[in-house]
N, C-alpha and C. Protein backbone atom coordinates (compact mmCIF):
# COMPACT_ATOMS: atom_id res chain seq x y z
N MET A 1 1.35 14.89 -31.74
CA MET A 1 0.79 13.60 -31.46
C MET A 1 -0.63 13.59 -32.02
N ASP A 2 -0.94 12.50 -32.75
CA ASP A 2 -2.29 12.42 -33.29
C ASP A 2 -3.27 11.93 -32.21
N ARG A 3 -4.51 12.01 -32.53
CA ARG A 3 -5.57 11.71 -31.56
C ARG A 3 -5.53 10.25 -31.10
N LYS A 4 -5.26 9.33 -32.02
CA LYS A 4 -5.22 7.90 -31.69
C LYS A 4 -4.07 7.61 -30.72
N ALA A 5 -2.91 8.19 -30.97
CA ALA A 5 -1.77 7.98 -30.07
C ALA A 5 -2.06 8.55 -28.69
N GLY A 6 -2.71 9.69 -28.63
CA GLY A 6 -3.08 10.29 -27.36
C GLY A 6 -4.02 9.39 -26.57
N PHE A 7 -4.97 8.77 -27.26
CA PHE A 7 -5.91 7.86 -26.61
C PHE A 7 -5.18 6.64 -26.06
N VAL A 8 -4.25 6.09 -26.84
CA VAL A 8 -3.50 4.91 -26.41
C VAL A 8 -2.68 5.24 -25.16
N ILE A 9 -2.05 6.38 -25.13
CA ILE A 9 -1.27 6.78 -23.96
C ILE A 9 -2.18 6.98 -22.76
N LEU A 10 -3.30 7.64 -22.95
CA LEU A 10 -4.25 7.85 -21.86
C LEU A 10 -4.76 6.52 -21.31
N ALA A 11 -5.08 5.59 -22.18
CA ALA A 11 -5.56 4.27 -21.75
C ALA A 11 -4.48 3.53 -20.97
N ALA A 12 -3.24 3.59 -21.45
CA ALA A 12 -2.14 2.90 -20.76
C ALA A 12 -1.90 3.50 -19.37
N VAL A 13 -1.93 4.81 -19.27
CA VAL A 13 -1.75 5.46 -17.97
C VAL A 13 -2.89 5.11 -17.03
N SER A 14 -4.11 5.10 -17.53
CA SER A 14 -5.26 4.75 -16.70
C SER A 14 -5.15 3.32 -16.17
N LEU A 15 -4.76 2.40 -17.03
CA LEU A 15 -4.60 1.02 -16.60
C LEU A 15 -3.47 0.88 -15.59
N ALA A 16 -2.37 1.57 -15.83
CA ALA A 16 -1.24 1.49 -14.91
C ALA A 16 -1.62 2.03 -13.53
N LEU A 17 -2.34 3.14 -13.50
CA LEU A 17 -2.75 3.72 -12.22
C LEU A 17 -3.77 2.85 -11.50
N SER A 18 -4.56 2.11 -12.25
CA SER A 18 -5.55 1.23 -11.62
C SER A 18 -4.92 -0.04 -11.09
N GLY A 19 -3.68 -0.31 -11.47
CA GLY A 19 -2.99 -1.51 -11.01
C GLY A 19 -3.17 -2.68 -11.96
N ALA A 20 -3.92 -2.53 -13.03
CA ALA A 20 -4.19 -3.64 -13.93
C ALA A 20 -2.94 -4.13 -14.66
N LEU A 21 -1.96 -3.26 -14.87
CA LEU A 21 -0.75 -3.67 -15.56
C LEU A 21 0.37 -4.03 -14.62
N HIS A 22 0.18 -3.86 -13.35
CA HIS A 22 1.25 -4.10 -12.37
C HIS A 22 1.39 -5.58 -12.11
N PRO A 23 2.62 -6.09 -12.11
CA PRO A 23 2.84 -7.52 -11.89
C PRO A 23 2.75 -7.87 -10.42
N ALA A 24 1.69 -7.46 -9.76
CA ALA A 24 1.53 -7.72 -8.33
C ALA A 24 1.28 -9.21 -8.09
N ALA A 25 1.52 -9.60 -6.88
CA ALA A 25 1.33 -11.00 -6.52
C ALA A 25 -0.14 -11.39 -6.61
N ALA A 26 -0.37 -12.69 -6.76
CA ALA A 26 -1.73 -13.21 -6.86
C ALA A 26 -2.48 -12.94 -5.56
N GLN A 27 -3.77 -12.73 -5.70
CA GLN A 27 -4.61 -12.47 -4.53
C GLN A 27 -5.74 -13.48 -4.49
N GLY A 28 -6.25 -13.71 -3.31
CA GLY A 28 -7.39 -14.58 -3.11
C GLY A 28 -8.28 -13.97 -2.05
N VAL A 29 -9.41 -14.60 -1.78
CA VAL A 29 -10.32 -14.10 -0.77
C VAL A 29 -10.31 -15.08 0.39
N GLY A 30 -10.04 -14.58 1.58
CA GLY A 30 -10.00 -15.41 2.78
C GLY A 30 -11.39 -15.75 3.26
N GLN A 31 -11.46 -16.58 4.31
CA GLN A 31 -12.75 -16.99 4.86
C GLN A 31 -13.56 -15.81 5.38
N ASP A 32 -12.87 -14.74 5.78
CA ASP A 32 -13.58 -13.57 6.30
C ASP A 32 -14.05 -12.63 5.20
N GLY A 33 -13.80 -13.01 3.93
CA GLY A 33 -14.24 -12.19 2.80
C GLY A 33 -13.27 -11.08 2.44
N VAL A 34 -12.15 -10.98 3.16
CA VAL A 34 -11.15 -9.95 2.91
C VAL A 34 -10.16 -10.45 1.87
N VAL A 35 -9.81 -9.60 0.92
CA VAL A 35 -8.83 -9.97 -0.09
C VAL A 35 -7.49 -10.19 0.59
N GLN A 36 -6.89 -11.33 0.32
CA GLN A 36 -5.59 -11.68 0.89
C GLN A 36 -4.55 -11.62 -0.22
N SER A 37 -3.41 -11.03 0.06
CA SER A 37 -2.33 -10.94 -0.91
C SER A 37 -1.17 -11.80 -0.45
N SER A 38 -0.48 -12.41 -1.39
CA SER A 38 0.69 -13.19 -1.04
C SER A 38 1.96 -12.35 -1.14
N THR A 39 1.81 -11.05 -1.32
CA THR A 39 2.95 -10.15 -1.37
C THR A 39 3.69 -10.18 -0.03
N PRO A 40 5.01 -10.35 -0.05
CA PRO A 40 5.76 -10.35 1.22
C PRO A 40 5.58 -9.03 1.98
N LEU A 41 5.69 -9.11 3.29
CA LEU A 41 5.60 -7.90 4.11
C LEU A 41 6.88 -7.09 3.97
N SER A 42 6.73 -5.78 4.02
CA SER A 42 7.86 -4.85 3.98
C SER A 42 8.19 -4.43 5.41
N GLU A 43 9.40 -3.95 5.62
CA GLU A 43 9.81 -3.49 6.94
C GLU A 43 9.82 -1.98 6.99
N GLY A 44 9.52 -1.46 8.19
CA GLY A 44 9.53 -0.01 8.36
C GLY A 44 9.51 0.38 9.81
N VAL A 45 9.55 1.69 10.03
CA VAL A 45 9.45 2.26 11.37
C VAL A 45 8.34 3.31 11.34
N VAL A 46 7.41 3.17 12.27
CA VAL A 46 6.30 4.13 12.35
C VAL A 46 6.86 5.47 12.83
N ARG A 47 6.59 6.51 12.08
CA ARG A 47 7.04 7.85 12.44
C ARG A 47 5.92 8.67 13.08
N LYS A 48 4.67 8.39 12.65
CA LYS A 48 3.54 9.16 13.19
C LYS A 48 2.26 8.33 13.05
N VAL A 49 1.41 8.42 14.05
CA VAL A 49 0.07 7.82 14.01
C VAL A 49 -0.93 8.97 14.08
N ASP A 50 -1.72 9.13 13.03
CA ASP A 50 -2.72 10.20 12.99
C ASP A 50 -4.10 9.55 13.05
N LYS A 51 -4.61 9.36 14.26
CA LYS A 51 -5.88 8.67 14.46
C LYS A 51 -7.05 9.47 13.88
N ASP A 52 -6.98 10.79 13.95
CA ASP A 52 -8.08 11.62 13.43
C ASP A 52 -8.22 11.47 11.91
N ALA A 53 -7.09 11.40 11.22
CA ALA A 53 -7.12 11.30 9.76
C ALA A 53 -7.12 9.84 9.28
N GLY A 54 -6.87 8.90 10.19
CA GLY A 54 -6.82 7.49 9.80
C GLY A 54 -5.60 7.16 8.95
N LYS A 55 -4.45 7.73 9.35
CA LYS A 55 -3.23 7.56 8.55
C LYS A 55 -2.03 7.23 9.42
N LEU A 56 -1.06 6.54 8.80
CA LEU A 56 0.22 6.23 9.42
C LEU A 56 1.33 6.79 8.55
N THR A 57 2.33 7.40 9.18
CA THR A 57 3.53 7.79 8.47
C THR A 57 4.57 6.73 8.80
N ILE A 58 5.13 6.10 7.76
CA ILE A 58 6.08 5.01 7.94
C ILE A 58 7.33 5.28 7.11
N LYS A 59 8.49 5.16 7.76
CA LYS A 59 9.77 5.16 7.05
C LYS A 59 10.01 3.70 6.68
N HIS A 60 10.05 3.40 5.38
CA HIS A 60 10.08 2.01 4.95
C HIS A 60 11.17 1.71 3.94
N GLY A 61 11.46 0.43 3.82
CA GLY A 61 12.34 -0.06 2.77
C GLY A 61 11.57 -0.13 1.47
N PRO A 62 12.16 -0.72 0.44
CA PRO A 62 11.47 -0.83 -0.85
C PRO A 62 10.15 -1.60 -0.73
N LEU A 63 9.15 -1.15 -1.47
CA LEU A 63 7.86 -1.83 -1.54
C LEU A 63 7.78 -2.47 -2.92
N ALA A 64 8.19 -3.73 -3.00
CA ALA A 64 8.29 -4.42 -4.29
C ALA A 64 6.96 -4.46 -5.03
N ASN A 65 5.88 -4.73 -4.33
CA ASN A 65 4.59 -4.85 -5.00
C ASN A 65 4.08 -3.53 -5.58
N LEU A 66 4.60 -2.42 -5.06
CA LEU A 66 4.20 -1.10 -5.57
C LEU A 66 5.29 -0.46 -6.43
N ASP A 67 6.40 -1.21 -6.61
CA ASP A 67 7.52 -0.70 -7.39
C ASP A 67 8.02 0.63 -6.84
N MET A 68 8.16 0.69 -5.50
CA MET A 68 8.48 1.94 -4.82
C MET A 68 9.79 1.79 -4.04
N PRO A 69 10.69 2.76 -4.17
CA PRO A 69 11.94 2.71 -3.41
C PRO A 69 11.72 3.05 -1.93
N ALA A 70 12.74 2.86 -1.14
CA ALA A 70 12.69 3.22 0.29
C ALA A 70 12.45 4.71 0.43
N MET A 71 11.61 5.08 1.41
CA MET A 71 11.31 6.48 1.68
C MET A 71 10.43 6.57 2.92
N THR A 72 10.08 7.77 3.30
CA THR A 72 9.11 7.99 4.37
C THR A 72 7.86 8.56 3.73
N MET A 73 6.72 7.94 4.04
CA MET A 73 5.49 8.42 3.42
C MET A 73 4.28 8.15 4.30
N VAL A 74 3.18 8.78 3.96
CA VAL A 74 1.92 8.65 4.69
C VAL A 74 1.04 7.63 3.97
N PHE A 75 0.45 6.73 4.75
CA PHE A 75 -0.46 5.71 4.22
C PHE A 75 -1.81 5.81 4.90
N HIS A 76 -2.86 5.50 4.17
CA HIS A 76 -4.17 5.27 4.77
C HIS A 76 -4.12 3.89 5.41
N VAL A 77 -5.08 3.57 6.26
CA VAL A 77 -5.16 2.22 6.81
C VAL A 77 -6.48 1.58 6.39
N ALA A 78 -6.44 0.28 6.12
CA ALA A 78 -7.64 -0.44 5.70
C ALA A 78 -8.60 -0.61 6.87
N ASP A 79 -8.04 -0.66 8.09
CA ASP A 79 -8.85 -0.87 9.28
C ASP A 79 -8.37 0.09 10.36
N GLN A 80 -9.28 0.90 10.88
CA GLN A 80 -8.91 1.90 11.90
C GLN A 80 -8.27 1.26 13.14
N ALA A 81 -8.57 -0.01 13.41
CA ALA A 81 -7.99 -0.70 14.57
C ALA A 81 -6.46 -0.78 14.46
N MET A 82 -5.93 -0.73 13.26
CA MET A 82 -4.47 -0.76 13.07
C MET A 82 -3.81 0.41 13.78
N LEU A 83 -4.51 1.52 13.88
CA LEU A 83 -3.94 2.72 14.51
C LEU A 83 -3.76 2.54 16.01
N GLN A 84 -4.49 1.60 16.60
CA GLN A 84 -4.37 1.31 18.03
C GLN A 84 -3.22 0.34 18.32
N GLN A 85 -2.74 -0.36 17.29
CA GLN A 85 -1.74 -1.40 17.45
C GLN A 85 -0.31 -0.88 17.45
N VAL A 86 -0.10 0.34 16.99
CA VAL A 86 1.26 0.86 16.83
C VAL A 86 1.39 2.26 17.42
N LYS A 87 2.64 2.63 17.66
CA LYS A 87 2.94 3.99 18.12
C LYS A 87 4.21 4.45 17.42
N SER A 88 4.47 5.73 17.47
CA SER A 88 5.66 6.29 16.86
C SER A 88 6.91 5.60 17.41
N GLY A 89 7.80 5.21 16.52
CA GLY A 89 9.05 4.54 16.91
C GLY A 89 8.99 3.03 16.80
N ASP A 90 7.79 2.45 16.65
CA ASP A 90 7.66 1.00 16.53
C ASP A 90 8.23 0.50 15.21
N LYS A 91 9.02 -0.60 15.28
CA LYS A 91 9.47 -1.29 14.07
C LYS A 91 8.35 -2.25 13.68
N VAL A 92 7.98 -2.21 12.40
CA VAL A 92 6.85 -3.02 11.93
C VAL A 92 7.17 -3.73 10.63
N LYS A 93 6.38 -4.76 10.37
CA LYS A 93 6.31 -5.39 9.06
C LYS A 93 4.90 -5.09 8.58
N PHE A 94 4.78 -4.70 7.32
CA PHE A 94 3.47 -4.29 6.82
C PHE A 94 3.33 -4.56 5.34
N ARG A 95 2.09 -4.56 4.90
CA ARG A 95 1.79 -4.67 3.48
C ARG A 95 1.00 -3.42 3.10
N ALA A 96 1.45 -2.76 2.06
CA ALA A 96 0.72 -1.60 1.53
C ALA A 96 0.28 -1.93 0.11
N GLU A 97 -0.92 -1.50 -0.22
CA GLU A 97 -1.45 -1.74 -1.54
C GLU A 97 -2.18 -0.49 -2.01
N SER A 98 -2.33 -0.38 -3.32
CA SER A 98 -3.09 0.73 -3.88
C SER A 98 -4.55 0.31 -3.95
N ILE A 99 -5.39 0.97 -3.16
CA ILE A 99 -6.81 0.65 -3.12
C ILE A 99 -7.58 1.91 -3.50
N GLY A 100 -8.23 1.85 -4.61
CA GLY A 100 -8.98 3.01 -5.08
C GLY A 100 -8.09 4.22 -5.30
N GLY A 101 -6.84 3.97 -5.66
CA GLY A 101 -5.90 5.05 -5.91
C GLY A 101 -5.21 5.58 -4.65
N LEU A 102 -5.55 5.02 -3.48
CA LEU A 102 -4.93 5.44 -2.22
C LEU A 102 -3.96 4.37 -1.74
N LEU A 103 -2.75 4.78 -1.37
CA LEU A 103 -1.81 3.83 -0.80
C LEU A 103 -2.26 3.51 0.62
N THR A 104 -2.55 2.24 0.84
CA THR A 104 -3.23 1.81 2.06
C THR A 104 -2.51 0.64 2.71
N VAL A 105 -2.30 0.72 4.02
CA VAL A 105 -1.75 -0.40 4.77
C VAL A 105 -2.88 -1.40 4.97
N THR A 106 -2.67 -2.63 4.49
CA THR A 106 -3.70 -3.67 4.59
C THR A 106 -3.36 -4.70 5.65
N LYS A 107 -2.11 -4.70 6.11
CA LYS A 107 -1.69 -5.61 7.19
C LYS A 107 -0.50 -4.97 7.88
N ILE A 108 -0.45 -5.11 9.21
CA ILE A 108 0.68 -4.58 9.96
C ILE A 108 0.88 -5.46 11.19
N GLU A 109 2.15 -5.69 11.51
CA GLU A 109 2.49 -6.48 12.69
C GLU A 109 3.84 -6.02 13.22
N PRO A 110 4.12 -6.29 14.50
CA PRO A 110 5.41 -5.89 15.06
C PRO A 110 6.55 -6.63 14.35
N ALA A 111 7.66 -5.95 14.15
CA ALA A 111 8.85 -6.58 13.59
C ALA A 111 9.71 -7.10 14.74
N PRO A 112 10.35 -8.22 14.53
CA PRO A 112 11.20 -8.76 15.60
C PRO A 112 12.40 -7.87 15.89
């Protein structure tokens, strides 16, 4: 591979990891200054709440906005208060987004 091709691949990977090439839903800024996404909420079951680390382990269905299949994984939370709202075994609807390269829950609510 020549140097120019290597640079093009590196640039494409960098953009993809930053989310710039991802066909994510449009976002806006709410009255509270928080970025709001129109991405539909995903469903899952909380497996673990780690308050010390600020993380949730969720067994979830596909995450369309992240192009991710169903699996169980650990997420950071955008707001530590989210960790007080859920416990292991709770069925939830949530939105996860890539923020600064970290998969982060930005919204969570009880599932019916």
